[in-house]
Amino acid sequence: MSSQGYAIELYFDPSLENQVLKAWNVFARRQISTNLINNESRPHITLFSTSFIDSTKLEPILKSFSSKQEPISLSFSSIGSFSNNNNALFLSPTPSLSLLQLQVQLCEVVKKEGFEIGEEYRVDSWVPFCPVAVDVPKSRISEGFLVLRDLKLPVNGYAMDIGLVEFSPVREVFSFGLGNNLES
């Protein structure tokens, strides 16, 4: 099966990642949604996504980009849902200048390489979010919201790595630590 696309994702520190995984597990236990776990995804915020990427070309670019960044402080302070057909529920980080700038700079780097930036990743329309449940049956969306309301928000931590994944299923192609972190 060929891949449906690629995404550049922001990964979290272990403790923040565990908080998100806890929510994924509650959704799975209640059989509301198991996609993220079944797909072997990692908790993340998608910075950019496209149908085709030459990962060998992108690897040195992302490596150098990541090394110039610092880990970013994140605070997931609200819960939300998109009203499109994949019925996703998510945690939303408080938009911070450093998060928005990281994403803008990344898109500029990717654009320089000739990749098209889709509408949803442009400066004025990008919505940073961390998915906690996808393809939730309509009849269970409200139950999903109740699960998320039980999380003690805000959930705080740091964005530590940038990775490229192929989907789906999700396969990490490579990832780099932000700043002068030890190579992961």
N, C-alpha and C. Protein backbone atom coordinates (compact mmCIF):
# COMPACT_ATOMS: atom_id res chain seq x y z
N MET A 1 0.84 -1.20 0.00
CA MET A 1 0.00 0.00 0.00
C MET A 1 0.88 1.25 0.00
N SER A 2 0.61 2.16 -0.92
CA SER A 2 1.45 3.36 -0.96
C SER A 2 0.96 4.36 0.07
N SER A 3 1.84 5.28 0.41
CA SER A 3 1.48 6.22 1.47
C SER A 3 0.51 7.27 0.93
N GLN A 4 -0.30 7.81 1.83
CA GLN A 4 -1.26 8.84 1.43
C GLN A 4 -0.68 10.22 1.62
N GLY A 5 0.45 10.29 2.30
CA GLY A 5 1.02 11.61 2.48
C GLY A 5 2.11 11.64 3.52
N TYR A 6 2.60 12.85 3.73
CA TYR A 6 3.68 13.08 4.69
C TYR A 6 3.29 14.25 5.58
N ALA A 7 3.76 14.22 6.81
CA ALA A 7 3.51 15.34 7.70
C ALA A 7 4.78 15.65 8.48
N ILE A 8 5.01 16.94 8.70
CA ILE A 8 6.11 17.36 9.58
C ILE A 8 5.44 17.67 10.91
N GLU A 9 5.88 16.95 11.95
CA GLU A 9 5.20 17.03 13.23
C GLU A 9 6.13 17.51 14.33
N LEU A 10 5.50 18.12 15.32
CA LEU A 10 6.20 18.60 16.50
C LEU A 10 5.90 17.60 17.61
N TYR A 11 6.95 17.06 18.25
CA TYR A 11 6.78 16.11 19.34
C TYR A 11 7.08 16.75 20.69
N PHE A 12 6.55 16.12 21.75
CA PHE A 12 6.61 16.72 23.09
C PHE A 12 7.61 16.03 24.00
N ASP A 13 7.85 16.67 25.14
CA ASP A 13 8.68 16.02 26.16
C ASP A 13 7.90 14.82 26.71
N PRO A 14 8.61 13.83 27.32
CA PRO A 14 7.96 12.59 27.74
C PRO A 14 6.76 12.78 28.66
N SER A 15 6.83 13.74 29.57
CA SER A 15 5.73 13.86 30.51
C SER A 15 4.48 14.43 29.83
N LEU A 16 4.65 15.39 28.92
CA LEU A 16 3.51 15.93 28.18
C LEU A 16 2.95 14.85 27.25
N GLU A 17 3.86 14.10 26.62
CA GLU A 17 3.43 13.02 25.73
C GLU A 17 2.56 12.01 26.50
N ASN A 18 2.98 11.69 27.73
CA ASN A 18 2.21 10.74 28.54
C ASN A 18 0.83 11.24 28.90
N GLN A 19 0.73 12.55 29.16
CA GLN A 19 -0.60 13.12 29.47
C GLN A 19 -1.55 12.93 28.29
N VAL A 20 -1.03 13.16 27.09
CA VAL A 20 -1.87 13.01 25.89
C VAL A 20 -2.21 11.53 25.68
N LEU A 21 -1.21 10.66 25.87
CA LEU A 21 -1.46 9.22 25.70
C LEU A 21 -2.54 8.73 26.65
N LYS A 22 -2.56 9.30 27.88
CA LYS A 22 -3.60 8.94 28.84
C LYS A 22 -4.98 9.18 28.24
N ALA A 23 -5.14 10.33 27.60
CA ALA A 23 -6.43 10.65 26.98
C ALA A 23 -6.72 9.66 25.84
N TRP A 24 -5.72 9.36 25.01
CA TRP A 24 -5.92 8.39 23.92
C TRP A 24 -6.42 7.07 24.48
N ASN A 25 -5.81 6.66 25.61
CA ASN A 25 -6.17 5.38 26.21
C ASN A 25 -7.60 5.36 26.74
N VAL A 26 -8.04 6.49 27.30
CA VAL A 26 -9.42 6.56 27.79
C VAL A 26 -10.38 6.41 26.59
N PHE A 27 -10.08 7.10 25.49
CA PHE A 27 -10.93 6.99 24.29
C PHE A 27 -10.95 5.55 23.77
N ALA A 28 -9.81 4.89 23.83
CA ALA A 28 -9.72 3.51 23.35
C ALA A 28 -10.50 2.57 24.28
N ARG A 29 -10.29 2.74 25.60
CA ARG A 29 -10.99 1.89 26.56
C ARG A 29 -12.50 1.99 26.42
N ARG A 30 -12.96 3.21 26.19
CA ARG A 30 -14.42 3.41 26.05
C ARG A 30 -14.91 3.11 24.65
N GLN A 31 -13.98 2.68 23.81
CA GLN A 31 -14.30 2.37 22.41
C GLN A 31 -14.97 3.53 21.69
N ILE A 32 -14.49 4.73 21.98
CA ILE A 32 -14.98 5.91 21.26
C ILE A 32 -14.12 6.08 20.01
N SER A 33 -12.80 5.89 20.16
CA SER A 33 -11.89 6.02 19.02
C SER A 33 -10.56 5.38 19.36
N THR A 34 -10.08 4.51 18.45
CA THR A 34 -8.79 3.84 18.68
C THR A 34 -7.79 4.15 17.56
N ASN A 35 -8.22 4.97 16.59
CA ASN A 35 -7.36 5.22 15.42
C ASN A 35 -5.94 5.61 15.72
N LEU A 36 -5.77 6.59 16.61
CA LEU A 36 -4.42 7.12 16.84
C LEU A 36 -3.51 6.04 17.40
N ILE A 37 -4.05 5.23 18.30
CA ILE A 37 -3.25 4.15 18.88
C ILE A 37 -2.98 3.07 17.84
N ASN A 38 -4.03 2.69 17.10
CA ASN A 38 -3.86 1.66 16.07
C ASN A 38 -2.88 2.08 14.99
N ASN A 39 -2.87 3.36 14.68
CA ASN A 39 -1.98 3.88 13.64
C ASN A 39 -0.54 4.02 14.11
N GLU A 40 -0.32 3.77 15.40
CA GLU A 40 1.00 3.93 16.01
C GLU A 40 1.53 5.34 15.83
N SER A 41 0.62 6.27 15.95
CA SER A 41 0.98 7.68 15.90
C SER A 41 1.65 8.04 17.23
N ARG A 42 2.30 9.19 17.28
CA ARG A 42 2.81 9.73 18.53
C ARG A 42 2.07 11.03 18.79
N PRO A 43 1.82 11.38 20.04
CA PRO A 43 1.19 12.69 20.29
C PRO A 43 1.99 13.78 19.58
N HIS A 44 1.30 14.70 18.92
CA HIS A 44 2.00 15.67 18.08
C HIS A 44 1.11 16.86 17.74
N ILE A 45 1.75 17.88 17.20
CA ILE A 45 1.07 18.98 16.52
C ILE A 45 1.61 18.96 15.09
N THR A 46 0.72 18.92 14.10
CA THR A 46 1.19 18.92 12.71
C THR A 46 1.54 20.34 12.28
N LEU A 47 2.78 20.51 11.78
CA LEU A 47 3.25 21.82 11.34
C LEU A 47 3.00 22.01 9.84
N PHE A 48 3.00 20.89 9.11
CA PHE A 48 2.90 20.96 7.66
C PHE A 48 2.59 19.57 7.14
N SER A 49 1.78 19.48 6.11
CA SER A 49 1.46 18.18 5.55
C SER A 49 1.32 18.31 4.04
N THR A 50 1.71 17.26 3.33
CA THR A 50 1.65 17.31 1.88
C THR A 50 1.53 15.89 1.34
N SER A 51 1.14 15.76 0.08
CA SER A 51 0.95 14.40 -0.45
C SER A 51 2.27 13.78 -0.87
N PHE A 52 3.24 14.61 -1.28
CA PHE A 52 4.51 14.02 -1.68
C PHE A 52 5.69 14.85 -1.17
N ILE A 53 6.70 14.16 -0.67
CA ILE A 53 7.92 14.83 -0.23
C ILE A 53 9.10 13.93 -0.55
N ASP A 54 10.17 14.52 -1.04
CA ASP A 54 11.40 13.74 -1.23
C ASP A 54 12.14 13.82 0.10
N SER A 55 11.98 12.77 0.91
CA SER A 55 12.48 12.83 2.28
C SER A 55 14.01 12.94 2.35
N THR A 56 14.70 12.41 1.35
CA THR A 56 16.17 12.49 1.37
C THR A 56 16.62 13.94 1.20
N LYS A 57 15.85 14.70 0.42
CA LYS A 57 16.16 16.10 0.20
C LYS A 57 15.81 16.92 1.44
N LEU A 58 14.73 16.49 2.10
CA LEU A 58 14.22 17.26 3.23
C LEU A 58 15.03 17.03 4.51
N GLU A 59 15.62 15.84 4.64
CA GLU A 59 16.30 15.48 5.88
C GLU A 59 17.37 16.48 6.31
N PRO A 60 18.37 16.81 5.44
CA PRO A 60 19.38 17.78 5.87
C PRO A 60 18.79 19.16 6.18
N ILE A 61 17.74 19.53 5.44
CA ILE A 61 17.10 20.83 5.63
C ILE A 61 16.44 20.91 7.02
N LEU A 62 15.70 19.85 7.36
CA LEU A 62 15.03 19.84 8.67
C LEU A 62 16.04 19.72 9.80
N LYS A 63 17.12 19.00 9.54
CA LYS A 63 18.15 18.83 10.58
C LYS A 63 18.75 20.18 10.93
N SER A 64 19.09 20.94 9.89
CA SER A 64 19.69 22.24 10.12
C SER A 64 18.67 23.22 10.72
N PHE A 65 17.42 23.15 10.25
CA PHE A 65 16.36 24.00 10.78
C PHE A 65 16.16 23.74 12.28
N SER A 66 16.06 22.45 12.65
CA SER A 66 15.82 22.08 14.05
C SER A 66 16.94 22.56 14.96
N SER A 67 18.18 22.46 14.46
CA SER A 67 19.32 22.81 15.31
C SER A 67 19.33 24.29 15.66
N LYS A 68 18.66 25.12 14.84
CA LYS A 68 18.64 26.57 15.09
C LYS A 68 17.49 26.98 16.00
N GLN A 69 16.62 26.03 16.37
CA GLN A 69 15.46 26.34 17.20
C GLN A 69 15.75 26.01 18.66
N GLU A 70 14.86 26.46 19.53
CA GLU A 70 14.92 26.08 20.93
C GLU A 70 13.67 25.28 21.24
N PRO A 71 13.71 24.40 22.27
CA PRO A 71 12.45 23.78 22.70
C PRO A 71 11.42 24.86 23.02
N ILE A 72 10.16 24.60 22.72
CA ILE A 72 9.11 25.60 22.88
C ILE A 72 8.17 25.20 24.00
N SER A 73 7.90 26.15 24.87
CA SER A 73 6.97 25.90 25.96
C SER A 73 5.55 25.81 25.41
N LEU A 74 4.82 24.75 25.80
CA LEU A 74 3.45 24.55 25.32
C LEU A 74 2.49 24.47 26.49
N SER A 75 1.31 25.03 26.30
CA SER A 75 0.27 24.89 27.31
C SER A 75 -1.04 24.55 26.61
N PHE A 76 -1.46 23.28 26.74
CA PHE A 76 -2.75 22.90 26.15
C PHE A 76 -3.84 23.36 27.09
N SER A 77 -4.57 24.40 26.66
CA SER A 77 -5.48 25.07 27.58
C SER A 77 -6.94 24.93 27.20
N SER A 78 -7.21 24.41 25.99
CA SER A 78 -8.62 24.27 25.61
C SER A 78 -8.83 23.02 24.76
N ILE A 79 -10.09 22.64 24.62
CA ILE A 79 -10.43 21.45 23.84
C ILE A 79 -11.29 21.89 22.67
N GLY A 80 -11.24 21.13 21.58
CA GLY A 80 -12.02 21.55 20.43
C GLY A 80 -12.32 20.41 19.49
N SER A 81 -13.03 20.77 18.42
CA SER A 81 -13.41 19.80 17.41
C SER A 81 -13.51 20.52 16.08
N PHE A 82 -13.14 19.82 14.99
CA PHE A 82 -13.36 20.40 13.67
C PHE A 82 -14.67 19.85 13.16
N SER A 83 -15.42 20.68 12.43
CA SER A 83 -16.75 20.23 11.99
C SER A 83 -16.67 19.56 10.63
N ASN A 84 -15.46 19.13 10.22
CA ASN A 84 -15.41 18.45 8.92
C ASN A 84 -15.72 16.97 9.10
N ASN A 85 -15.54 16.19 8.06
CA ASN A 85 -16.03 14.82 8.11
C ASN A 85 -15.23 13.84 8.96
N ASN A 86 -14.02 14.22 9.44
CA ASN A 86 -13.30 13.19 10.20
C ASN A 86 -13.53 13.28 11.71
N ASN A 87 -14.48 14.14 12.11
CA ASN A 87 -14.91 14.18 13.51
C ASN A 87 -13.76 14.03 14.50
N ALA A 88 -12.81 14.94 14.41
CA ALA A 88 -11.66 14.88 15.32
C ALA A 88 -11.92 15.71 16.56
N LEU A 89 -11.41 15.21 17.70
CA LEU A 89 -11.41 15.99 18.94
C LEU A 89 -9.95 16.27 19.25
N PHE A 90 -9.68 17.44 19.76
CA PHE A 90 -8.28 17.79 19.99
C PHE A 90 -8.06 18.71 21.18
N LEU A 91 -6.80 18.78 21.60
CA LEU A 91 -6.36 19.75 22.60
C LEU A 91 -5.72 20.90 21.84
N SER A 92 -5.99 22.10 22.28
CA SER A 92 -5.44 23.27 21.63
C SER A 92 -4.42 23.95 22.52
N PRO A 93 -3.23 24.23 21.97
CA PRO A 93 -2.27 24.97 22.78
C PRO A 93 -2.61 26.46 22.75
N THR A 94 -2.32 27.16 23.85
CA THR A 94 -2.42 28.60 23.82
C THR A 94 -1.44 29.08 22.75
N PRO A 95 -1.90 29.85 21.75
CA PRO A 95 -0.97 30.26 20.70
C PRO A 95 0.12 31.13 21.29
N SER A 96 1.36 30.74 21.08
CA SER A 96 2.46 31.57 21.55
C SER A 96 3.22 32.04 20.34
N LEU A 97 3.88 33.18 20.47
CA LEU A 97 4.64 33.71 19.36
C LEU A 97 5.68 32.71 18.90
N SER A 98 6.34 32.02 19.86
CA SER A 98 7.41 31.10 19.46
C SER A 98 6.86 29.92 18.65
N LEU A 99 5.66 29.44 18.99
CA LEU A 99 5.06 28.33 18.24
C LEU A 99 4.69 28.81 16.83
N LEU A 100 4.04 29.96 16.76
CA LEU A 100 3.61 30.48 15.46
C LEU A 100 4.82 30.78 14.57
N GLN A 101 5.87 31.36 15.17
CA GLN A 101 7.06 31.67 14.38
C GLN A 101 7.75 30.41 13.87
N LEU A 102 7.81 29.38 14.71
CA LEU A 102 8.42 28.12 14.30
C LEU A 102 7.71 27.60 13.05
N GLN A 103 6.38 27.61 13.08
CA GLN A 103 5.62 27.07 11.98
C GLN A 103 5.79 27.91 10.70
N VAL A 104 5.78 29.24 10.87
CA VAL A 104 5.97 30.14 9.72
C VAL A 104 7.34 29.92 9.10
N GLN A 105 8.37 29.86 9.95
CA GLN A 105 9.74 29.68 9.45
C GLN A 105 9.88 28.33 8.74
N LEU A 106 9.27 27.31 9.33
CA LEU A 106 9.34 25.99 8.71
C LEU A 106 8.71 26.03 7.32
N CYS A 107 7.54 26.64 7.21
CA CYS A 107 6.87 26.71 5.91
C CYS A 107 7.71 27.48 4.90
N GLU A 108 8.41 28.52 5.36
CA GLU A 108 9.28 29.27 4.43
C GLU A 108 10.41 28.40 3.92
N VAL A 109 11.00 27.62 4.82
CA VAL A 109 12.09 26.72 4.44
C VAL A 109 11.60 25.68 3.43
N VAL A 110 10.42 25.12 3.71
CA VAL A 110 9.85 24.08 2.85
C VAL A 110 9.47 24.66 1.48
N LYS A 111 8.96 25.90 1.50
CA LYS A 111 8.55 26.58 0.27
C LYS A 111 9.77 26.85 -0.62
N LYS A 112 10.87 27.24 0.01
CA LYS A 112 12.11 27.48 -0.74
C LYS A 112 12.53 26.25 -1.51
N GLU A 113 12.18 25.08 -0.97
CA GLU A 113 12.54 23.83 -1.63
C GLU A 113 11.53 23.46 -2.72
N GLY A 114 10.59 24.35 -2.95
CA GLY A 114 9.64 24.10 -4.04
C GLY A 114 8.37 23.35 -3.64
N PHE A 115 8.16 23.15 -2.33
CA PHE A 115 6.92 22.48 -1.91
C PHE A 115 5.80 23.50 -1.81
N GLU A 116 4.64 23.10 -2.26
CA GLU A 116 3.45 23.94 -2.20
C GLU A 116 2.93 23.96 -0.76
N ILE A 117 2.66 25.16 -0.24
CA ILE A 117 2.08 25.25 1.11
C ILE A 117 0.56 25.28 0.97
N GLY A 118 -0.10 24.24 1.47
CA GLY A 118 -1.56 24.18 1.38
C GLY A 118 -2.22 25.28 2.20
N GLU A 119 -3.43 25.62 1.82
CA GLU A 119 -4.20 26.69 2.46
C GLU A 119 -4.16 26.60 3.99
N GLU A 120 -4.38 25.40 4.54
CA GLU A 120 -4.53 25.28 5.99
C GLU A 120 -3.23 25.51 6.76
N TYR A 121 -2.09 25.55 6.05
CA TYR A 121 -0.81 25.78 6.76
C TYR A 121 -0.26 27.18 6.51
N ARG A 122 -1.05 28.03 5.83
CA ARG A 122 -0.59 29.39 5.58
C ARG A 122 -0.70 30.21 6.85
N VAL A 123 0.10 31.29 6.86
CA VAL A 123 0.20 32.13 8.06
C VAL A 123 -1.14 32.47 8.71
N ASP A 124 -2.11 32.89 7.91
CA ASP A 124 -3.34 33.38 8.52
C ASP A 124 -4.36 32.30 8.82
N SER A 125 -4.07 31.05 8.44
CA SER A 125 -5.11 30.05 8.65
C SER A 125 -4.69 28.82 9.45
N TRP A 126 -3.40 28.69 9.79
CA TRP A 126 -2.96 27.50 10.51
C TRP A 126 -3.53 27.46 11.92
N VAL A 127 -4.14 26.32 12.28
CA VAL A 127 -4.67 26.11 13.63
C VAL A 127 -3.83 25.02 14.30
N PRO A 128 -3.00 25.38 15.28
CA PRO A 128 -2.22 24.34 15.96
C PRO A 128 -3.13 23.51 16.87
N PHE A 129 -3.04 22.18 16.75
CA PHE A 129 -3.84 21.33 17.63
C PHE A 129 -3.17 19.98 17.78
N CYS A 130 -3.51 19.30 18.86
CA CYS A 130 -2.99 17.97 19.13
C CYS A 130 -4.17 17.01 19.14
N PRO A 131 -4.29 16.13 18.12
CA PRO A 131 -5.45 15.25 18.06
C PRO A 131 -5.48 14.26 19.22
N VAL A 132 -6.67 14.05 19.79
CA VAL A 132 -6.81 13.02 20.83
C VAL A 132 -7.78 11.93 20.40
N ALA A 133 -8.63 12.21 19.41
CA ALA A 133 -9.53 11.19 18.89
C ALA A 133 -9.93 11.60 17.48
N VAL A 134 -9.87 10.64 16.54
CA VAL A 134 -10.32 10.94 15.19
C VAL A 134 -11.37 9.93 14.77
N ASP A 135 -12.17 10.31 13.79
CA ASP A 135 -13.28 9.46 13.34
C ASP A 135 -14.18 9.05 14.49
N VAL A 136 -14.52 10.00 15.33
CA VAL A 136 -15.43 9.72 16.45
C VAL A 136 -16.85 9.64 15.88
N PRO A 137 -17.58 8.57 16.19
CA PRO A 137 -18.97 8.50 15.70
C PRO A 137 -19.74 9.73 16.19
N LYS A 138 -20.55 10.31 15.31
CA LYS A 138 -21.30 11.53 15.65
C LYS A 138 -22.03 11.39 16.97
N SER A 139 -22.59 10.22 17.19
CA SER A 139 -23.41 10.02 18.38
C SER A 139 -22.58 10.04 19.67
N ARG A 140 -21.23 10.04 19.53
CA ARG A 140 -20.41 9.96 20.74
C ARG A 140 -19.51 11.18 20.94
N ILE A 141 -19.70 12.19 20.08
CA ILE A 141 -18.90 13.41 20.20
C ILE A 141 -19.06 14.05 21.57
N SER A 142 -20.31 14.14 22.05
CA SER A 142 -20.52 14.81 23.34
C SER A 142 -19.86 14.03 24.47
N GLU A 143 -19.89 12.70 24.39
CA GLU A 143 -19.20 11.88 25.38
C GLU A 143 -17.69 12.14 25.31
N GLY A 144 -17.19 12.29 24.08
CA GLY A 144 -15.78 12.60 23.88
C GLY A 144 -15.38 13.91 24.55
N PHE A 145 -16.24 14.91 24.40
CA PHE A 145 -15.97 16.19 25.05
C PHE A 145 -15.93 16.04 26.57
N LEU A 146 -16.81 15.21 27.11
CA LEU A 146 -16.82 15.01 28.56
C LEU A 146 -15.51 14.36 29.01
N VAL A 147 -15.00 13.42 28.23
CA VAL A 147 -13.72 12.79 28.55
C VAL A 147 -12.62 13.86 28.62
N LEU A 148 -12.62 14.74 27.63
CA LEU A 148 -11.59 15.79 27.58
C LEU A 148 -11.75 16.80 28.71
N ARG A 149 -13.00 17.05 29.09
CA ARG A 149 -13.23 18.01 30.18
C ARG A 149 -12.67 17.48 31.49
N ASP A 150 -12.55 16.14 31.60
CA ASP A 150 -12.00 15.54 32.81
C ASP A 150 -10.49 15.69 32.91
N LEU A 151 -9.84 16.02 31.80
CA LEU A 151 -8.39 16.27 31.87
C LEU A 151 -8.22 17.54 32.67
N LYS A 152 -7.22 17.56 33.53
CA LYS A 152 -7.00 18.79 34.31
C LYS A 152 -6.21 19.76 33.44
N LEU A 153 -6.91 20.64 32.74
CA LEU A 153 -6.22 21.62 31.90
C LEU A 153 -5.86 22.85 32.73
N PRO A 154 -4.83 23.60 32.40
CA PRO A 154 -3.95 23.34 31.26
C PRO A 154 -2.97 22.20 31.53
N VAL A 155 -2.57 21.53 30.44
CA VAL A 155 -1.52 20.53 30.49
C VAL A 155 -0.29 21.19 29.87
N ASN A 156 0.77 21.29 30.67
CA ASN A 156 1.94 22.05 30.22
C ASN A 156 3.15 21.18 29.94
N GLY A 157 3.99 21.65 29.06
CA GLY A 157 5.21 20.93 28.75
C GLY A 157 5.97 21.63 27.65
N TYR A 158 6.78 20.87 26.94
CA TYR A 158 7.62 21.45 25.90
C TYR A 158 7.54 20.67 24.60
N ALA A 159 7.65 21.41 23.49
CA ALA A 159 7.87 20.78 22.19
C ALA A 159 9.37 20.57 22.09
N MET A 160 9.81 19.33 21.87
CA MET A 160 11.23 18.99 21.93
C MET A 160 11.83 18.55 20.60
N ASP A 161 11.01 17.98 19.70
CA ASP A 161 11.54 17.40 18.46
C ASP A 161 10.64 17.72 17.29
N ILE A 162 11.26 17.69 16.11
CA ILE A 162 10.50 17.79 14.87
C ILE A 162 10.75 16.50 14.11
N GLY A 163 9.67 15.89 13.61
CA GLY A 163 9.83 14.64 12.88
C GLY A 163 9.06 14.65 11.57
N LEU A 164 9.51 13.82 10.64
CA LEU A 164 8.77 13.63 9.40
C LEU A 164 8.13 12.25 9.46
N VAL A 165 6.82 12.17 9.23
CA VAL A 165 6.16 10.88 9.20
C VAL A 165 5.47 10.67 7.86
N GLU A 166 5.33 9.41 7.54
CA GLU A 166 4.60 8.99 6.35
C GLU A 166 3.32 8.38 6.89
N PHE A 167 2.18 8.55 6.17
CA PHE A 167 0.95 7.92 6.65
C PHE A 167 0.10 7.49 5.47
N SER A 168 -0.91 6.65 5.73
CA SER A 168 -1.05 5.93 6.97
C SER A 168 -0.98 4.45 6.63
N PRO A 169 -0.57 3.52 7.50
CA PRO A 169 -0.27 3.79 8.90
C PRO A 169 0.94 4.72 9.05
N VAL A 170 1.09 5.22 10.25
CA VAL A 170 2.13 6.21 10.50
C VAL A 170 3.50 5.55 10.64
N ARG A 171 4.45 6.07 9.89
CA ARG A 171 5.82 5.56 10.02
C ARG A 171 6.75 6.77 10.10
N GLU A 172 7.50 6.84 11.18
CA GLU A 172 8.42 7.97 11.31
C GLU A 172 9.60 7.76 10.36
N VAL A 173 9.88 8.78 9.55
CA VAL A 173 10.99 8.70 8.61
C VAL A 173 12.28 9.13 9.32
N PHE A 174 12.21 10.26 10.04
CA PHE A 174 13.34 10.71 10.87
C PHE A 174 12.82 11.76 11.83
N SER A 175 13.60 12.07 12.86
CA SER A 175 13.26 13.19 13.74
C SER A 175 14.51 13.80 14.32
N PHE A 176 14.44 15.09 14.64
CA PHE A 176 15.58 15.82 15.19
C PHE A 176 15.14 16.62 16.40
N GLY A 177 16.01 16.70 17.39
CA GLY A 177 15.73 17.51 18.58
C GLY A 177 15.83 18.98 18.23
N LEU A 178 15.03 19.79 18.90
CA LEU A 178 15.12 21.24 18.73
C LEU A 178 16.31 21.77 19.51
N GLY A 179 17.07 22.64 18.91
CA GLY A 179 18.22 23.23 19.59
C GLY A 179 19.35 22.24 19.66
N ASN A 180 20.25 22.46 20.60
CA ASN A 180 21.41 21.58 20.66
C ASN A 180 21.16 20.39 21.55
N ASN A 181 19.95 19.81 21.40
CA ASN A 181 19.66 18.57 22.13
C ASN A 181 20.59 17.49 21.63
N LEU A 182 20.77 16.47 22.45
CA LEU A 182 21.51 15.31 21.98
C LEU A 182 20.72 14.69 20.84
N GLU A 183 21.40 14.15 19.88
CA GLU A 183 20.72 13.50 18.75
C GLU A 183 19.75 12.46 19.31
N SER A 184 18.53 12.45 18.78
CA SER A 184 17.60 11.42 19.25
C SER A 184 17.75 10.18 18.40
